[in-house]
């Protein structure tokens, strides 16, 4: 048993190192999973913003088309009076 006398002196240090490695590994895994979640959320947010922009663009295109139709009707009325 004298050959393991160093173990009695160093067991707390060894336990702390092993515990630190285990905690560091778990934290690394959690950070990796959280990074995936953040990337997923950001990609969804991008999709939502893109959808809103497309809807706004379509609305503006309809409004512009309506303005051109209105302008053409006014021009036709003015041409009919001449």
N, C-alpha and C. Protein backbone atom coordinates (compact mmCIF):
# COMPACT_ATOMS: atom_id res chain seq x y z
N UNK A 1 0.80 -1.20 0.00
CA UNK A 1 0.00 0.00 0.00
C UNK A 1 0.84 1.26 0.00
N UNK A 2 2.08 1.13 0.34
CA UNK A 2 2.96 2.30 0.34
C UNK A 2 3.16 2.84 -1.07
N UNK A 3 2.98 1.97 -2.07
CA UNK A 3 3.19 2.43 -3.43
C UNK A 3 2.08 3.38 -3.89
N UNK A 4 0.91 3.32 -3.24
CA UNK A 4 -0.19 4.23 -3.57
C UNK A 4 -0.31 5.37 -2.56
N UNK A 5 0.71 5.64 -1.83
CA UNK A 5 0.70 6.73 -0.86
C UNK A 5 0.54 8.08 -1.53
N UNK A 6 1.06 8.22 -2.73
CA UNK A 6 0.92 9.47 -3.46
C UNK A 6 -0.54 9.76 -3.81
N UNK A 7 -1.33 8.64 -3.95
CA UNK A 7 -2.74 8.80 -4.29
C UNK A 7 -3.49 9.50 -3.16
N UNK A 8 -3.14 9.17 -1.92
CA UNK A 8 -3.78 9.83 -0.77
C UNK A 8 -3.46 11.31 -0.74
N UNK A 9 -2.27 11.67 -1.21
CA UNK A 9 -1.87 13.07 -1.18
C UNK A 9 -2.50 13.87 -2.35
N UNK A 10 -2.71 13.22 -3.46
CA UNK A 10 -3.11 13.92 -4.67
C UNK A 10 -4.54 13.63 -5.12
N UNK A 11 -5.31 12.84 -4.38
CA UNK A 11 -6.64 12.44 -4.88
C UNK A 11 -7.58 13.63 -5.07
N UNK A 12 -7.49 14.64 -4.24
CA UNK A 12 -8.36 15.82 -4.41
C UNK A 12 -8.00 16.59 -5.68
N UNK A 13 -6.72 16.69 -5.95
CA UNK A 13 -6.28 17.39 -7.16
C UNK A 13 -6.70 16.61 -8.40
N UNK A 14 -6.52 15.30 -8.37
CA UNK A 14 -6.92 14.46 -9.50
C UNK A 14 -8.43 14.54 -9.71
N UNK A 15 -9.20 14.48 -8.62
CA UNK A 15 -10.66 14.57 -8.71
C UNK A 15 -11.09 15.92 -9.29
N UNK A 16 -10.41 16.99 -8.88
CA UNK A 16 -10.73 18.32 -9.40
C UNK A 16 -10.43 18.40 -10.90
N UNK A 17 -9.32 17.83 -11.33
CA UNK A 17 -8.97 17.87 -12.75
C UNK A 17 -9.97 17.06 -13.56
N UNK A 18 -10.31 15.86 -13.09
CA UNK A 18 -11.29 15.03 -13.80
C UNK A 18 -12.65 15.74 -13.83
N UNK A 19 -13.05 16.31 -12.71
CA UNK A 19 -14.31 17.05 -12.66
C UNK A 19 -14.30 18.24 -13.61
N UNK A 20 -13.18 18.94 -13.69
CA UNK A 20 -13.05 20.07 -14.61
C UNK A 20 -13.17 19.65 -16.06
N UNK A 21 -12.57 18.51 -16.38
CA UNK A 21 -12.66 18.01 -17.76
C UNK A 21 -14.10 17.63 -18.10
N UNK A 22 -14.79 16.98 -17.17
CA UNK A 22 -16.18 16.58 -17.40
C UNK A 22 -17.06 17.82 -17.57
N UNK A 23 -16.89 18.80 -16.71
CA UNK A 23 -17.69 20.02 -16.79
C UNK A 23 -17.39 20.77 -18.09
N UNK A 24 -16.11 20.85 -18.47
CA UNK A 24 -15.75 21.54 -19.71
C UNK A 24 -16.37 20.85 -20.93
N UNK A 25 -16.38 19.51 -20.91
CA UNK A 25 -16.96 18.77 -22.03
C UNK A 25 -18.46 19.01 -22.11
N UNK A 26 -19.14 18.99 -20.99
CA UNK A 26 -20.59 19.25 -20.98
C UNK A 26 -20.89 20.66 -21.45
N UNK A 27 -20.12 21.62 -20.97
CA UNK A 27 -20.34 23.00 -21.39
C UNK A 27 -20.12 23.17 -22.89
N UNK A 28 -19.11 22.50 -23.42
CA UNK A 28 -18.84 22.58 -24.86
C UNK A 28 -20.01 22.01 -25.65
N UNK A 29 -20.56 20.89 -25.21
CA UNK A 29 -21.72 20.31 -25.89
C UNK A 29 -22.92 21.25 -25.83
N UNK A 30 -23.16 21.84 -24.67
CA UNK A 30 -24.29 22.75 -24.53
C UNK A 30 -24.12 23.98 -25.40
N UNK A 31 -22.92 24.52 -25.47
CA UNK A 31 -22.67 25.68 -26.31
C UNK A 31 -22.90 25.32 -27.78
N UNK A 32 -22.47 24.13 -28.17
CA UNK A 32 -22.66 23.69 -29.55
C UNK A 32 -24.16 23.58 -29.88
N UNK A 33 -24.94 23.00 -28.98
CA UNK A 33 -26.38 22.88 -29.20
C UNK A 33 -27.06 24.25 -29.20
N UNK A 34 -26.63 25.13 -28.33
CA UNK A 34 -27.21 26.48 -28.30
C UNK A 34 -26.87 27.24 -29.59
N UNK A 35 -25.68 27.04 -30.13
CA UNK A 35 -25.30 27.69 -31.38
C UNK A 35 -26.20 27.20 -32.51
N UNK A 36 -26.51 25.89 -32.52
CA UNK A 36 -27.42 25.35 -33.53
C UNK A 36 -28.79 26.01 -33.39
N UNK A 37 -29.28 26.13 -32.14
CA UNK A 37 -30.59 26.74 -31.91
C UNK A 37 -30.61 28.19 -32.38
N UNK A 38 -29.55 28.93 -32.08
CA UNK A 38 -29.48 30.33 -32.49
C UNK A 38 -29.47 30.43 -34.01
N UNK A 39 -28.71 29.57 -34.67
CA UNK A 39 -28.68 29.59 -36.14
C UNK A 39 -30.06 29.27 -36.71
N UNK A 40 -30.76 28.32 -36.09
CA UNK A 40 -32.10 27.96 -36.55
C UNK A 40 -33.06 29.13 -36.37
N UNK A 41 -32.99 29.78 -35.23
CA UNK A 41 -33.87 30.93 -34.96
C UNK A 41 -33.58 32.06 -35.95
N UNK A 42 -32.30 32.30 -36.19
CA UNK A 42 -31.94 33.36 -37.13
C UNK A 42 -32.41 33.05 -38.54
N UNK A 43 -32.32 31.79 -38.94
CA UNK A 43 -32.78 31.44 -40.28
C UNK A 43 -34.30 31.58 -40.38
N UNK A 44 -35.01 31.25 -39.32
CA UNK A 44 -36.47 31.43 -39.32
C UNK A 44 -36.81 32.91 -39.36
N UNK A 45 -36.09 33.72 -38.61
CA UNK A 45 -36.34 35.16 -38.59
C UNK A 45 -36.09 35.75 -39.97
N UNK A 46 -35.06 35.26 -40.63
CA UNK A 46 -34.77 35.73 -41.99
C UNK A 46 -35.92 35.37 -42.92
N UNK A 47 -36.47 34.18 -42.76
CA UNK A 47 -37.59 33.76 -43.59
C UNK A 47 -38.80 34.64 -43.34
N UNK A 48 -39.07 34.96 -42.09
CA UNK A 48 -40.22 35.81 -41.75
C UNK A 48 -40.03 37.20 -42.35
N UNK A 49 -38.84 37.75 -42.22
CA UNK A 49 -38.57 39.09 -42.77
C UNK A 49 -38.70 39.06 -44.29
N UNK A 50 -38.17 38.01 -44.92
CA UNK A 50 -38.27 37.89 -46.37
C UNK A 50 -39.72 37.80 -46.82
N UNK A 51 -40.54 37.05 -46.09
CA UNK A 51 -41.95 36.92 -46.42
C UNK A 51 -42.65 38.28 -46.30
N UNK A 52 -42.34 39.03 -45.25
CA UNK A 52 -42.94 40.35 -45.08
C UNK A 52 -42.52 41.30 -46.21
N UNK A 53 -41.26 41.23 -46.59
CA UNK A 53 -40.77 42.10 -47.66
C UNK A 53 -41.46 41.75 -48.98
N UNK A 54 -41.62 40.46 -49.26
CA UNK A 54 -42.30 40.06 -50.49
C UNK A 54 -43.75 40.53 -50.49
N UNK A 55 -44.43 40.41 -49.36
CA UNK A 55 -45.82 40.86 -49.27
C UNK A 55 -45.91 42.37 -49.50
N UNK A 56 -44.99 43.11 -48.91
CA UNK A 56 -44.97 44.56 -49.10
C UNK A 56 -44.69 44.91 -50.55
N UNK A 57 -43.77 44.20 -51.17
CA UNK A 57 -43.45 44.45 -52.59
C UNK A 57 -44.67 44.19 -53.47
N UNK A 58 -45.37 43.09 -53.22
CA UNK A 58 -46.57 42.79 -54.01
C UNK A 58 -47.63 43.88 -53.83
N UNK A 59 -47.79 44.36 -52.59
CA UNK A 59 -48.76 45.41 -52.33
C UNK A 59 -48.39 46.68 -53.10
N UNK A 60 -47.10 47.02 -53.10
CA UNK A 60 -46.67 48.22 -53.83
C UNK A 60 -46.85 48.05 -55.33
N UNK A 61 -46.59 46.86 -55.83
CA UNK A 61 -46.79 46.62 -57.26
C UNK A 61 -48.26 46.79 -57.64
N UNK A 62 -49.17 46.31 -56.79
CA UNK A 62 -50.60 46.48 -57.06
C UNK A 62 -50.99 47.95 -57.02
N UNK A 63 -50.44 48.67 -56.04
CA UNK A 63 -50.76 50.09 -55.94
C UNK A 63 -50.23 50.86 -57.15
N UNK A 64 -49.04 50.54 -57.59
CA UNK A 64 -48.48 51.21 -58.77
C UNK A 64 -49.32 50.88 -60.00
N UNK A 65 -49.72 49.60 -60.12
CA UNK A 65 -50.59 49.22 -61.24
C UNK A 65 -51.90 49.97 -61.20
N UNK A 66 -52.47 50.14 -60.02
CA UNK A 66 -53.71 50.90 -59.88
C UNK A 66 -53.53 52.36 -60.26
N UNK A 67 -52.39 52.94 -59.89
CA UNK A 67 -52.13 54.33 -60.27
C UNK A 67 -52.01 54.48 -61.77
N UNK A 68 -51.34 53.53 -62.45
CA UNK A 68 -51.21 53.60 -63.91
C UNK A 68 -52.57 53.46 -64.57
N UNK A 69 -53.41 52.58 -64.05
CA UNK A 69 -54.76 52.44 -64.62
C UNK A 69 -55.55 53.73 -64.45
N UNK A 70 -55.45 54.33 -63.26
CA UNK A 70 -56.14 55.60 -63.01
C UNK A 70 -55.64 56.68 -63.95
N UNK A 71 -54.32 56.76 -64.12
CA UNK A 71 -53.75 57.76 -65.02
C UNK A 71 -54.20 57.53 -66.46
N UNK A 72 -54.25 56.29 -66.88
CA UNK A 72 -54.69 55.99 -68.25
C UNK A 72 -56.16 56.36 -68.45
N UNK A 73 -57.01 56.11 -67.42
CA UNK A 73 -58.42 56.48 -67.54
C UNK A 73 -58.58 57.99 -67.64
N UNK A 74 -57.82 58.74 -66.84
CA UNK A 74 -57.88 60.20 -66.89
C UNK A 74 -57.42 60.69 -68.27
N UNK A 75 -56.35 60.10 -68.80
CA UNK A 75 -55.84 60.50 -70.12
C UNK A 75 -56.87 60.18 -71.19
N UNK A 76 -57.53 59.03 -71.09
CA UNK A 76 -58.57 58.68 -72.06
C UNK A 76 -59.73 59.66 -72.01
N UNK A 77 -60.13 60.08 -70.81
CA UNK A 77 -61.22 61.05 -70.68
C UNK A 77 -60.84 62.39 -71.30
N UNK A 78 -59.58 62.79 -71.07
CA UNK A 78 -59.13 64.06 -71.63
C UNK A 78 -59.06 63.97 -73.15
N UNK A 79 -58.65 62.81 -73.68
CA UNK A 79 -58.60 62.64 -75.15
C UNK A 79 -60.00 62.64 -75.74
N UNK A 80 -60.98 62.09 -75.01
CA UNK A 80 -62.35 62.06 -75.51
C UNK A 80 -62.94 63.46 -75.57
N UNK A 81 -62.55 64.37 -74.71
CA UNK A 81 -63.09 65.73 -74.69
C UNK A 81 -62.50 66.57 -75.82
N UNK A 82 -61.41 66.20 -76.34
CA UNK A 82 -60.79 67.01 -77.40
C UNK A 82 -61.42 66.79 -78.71
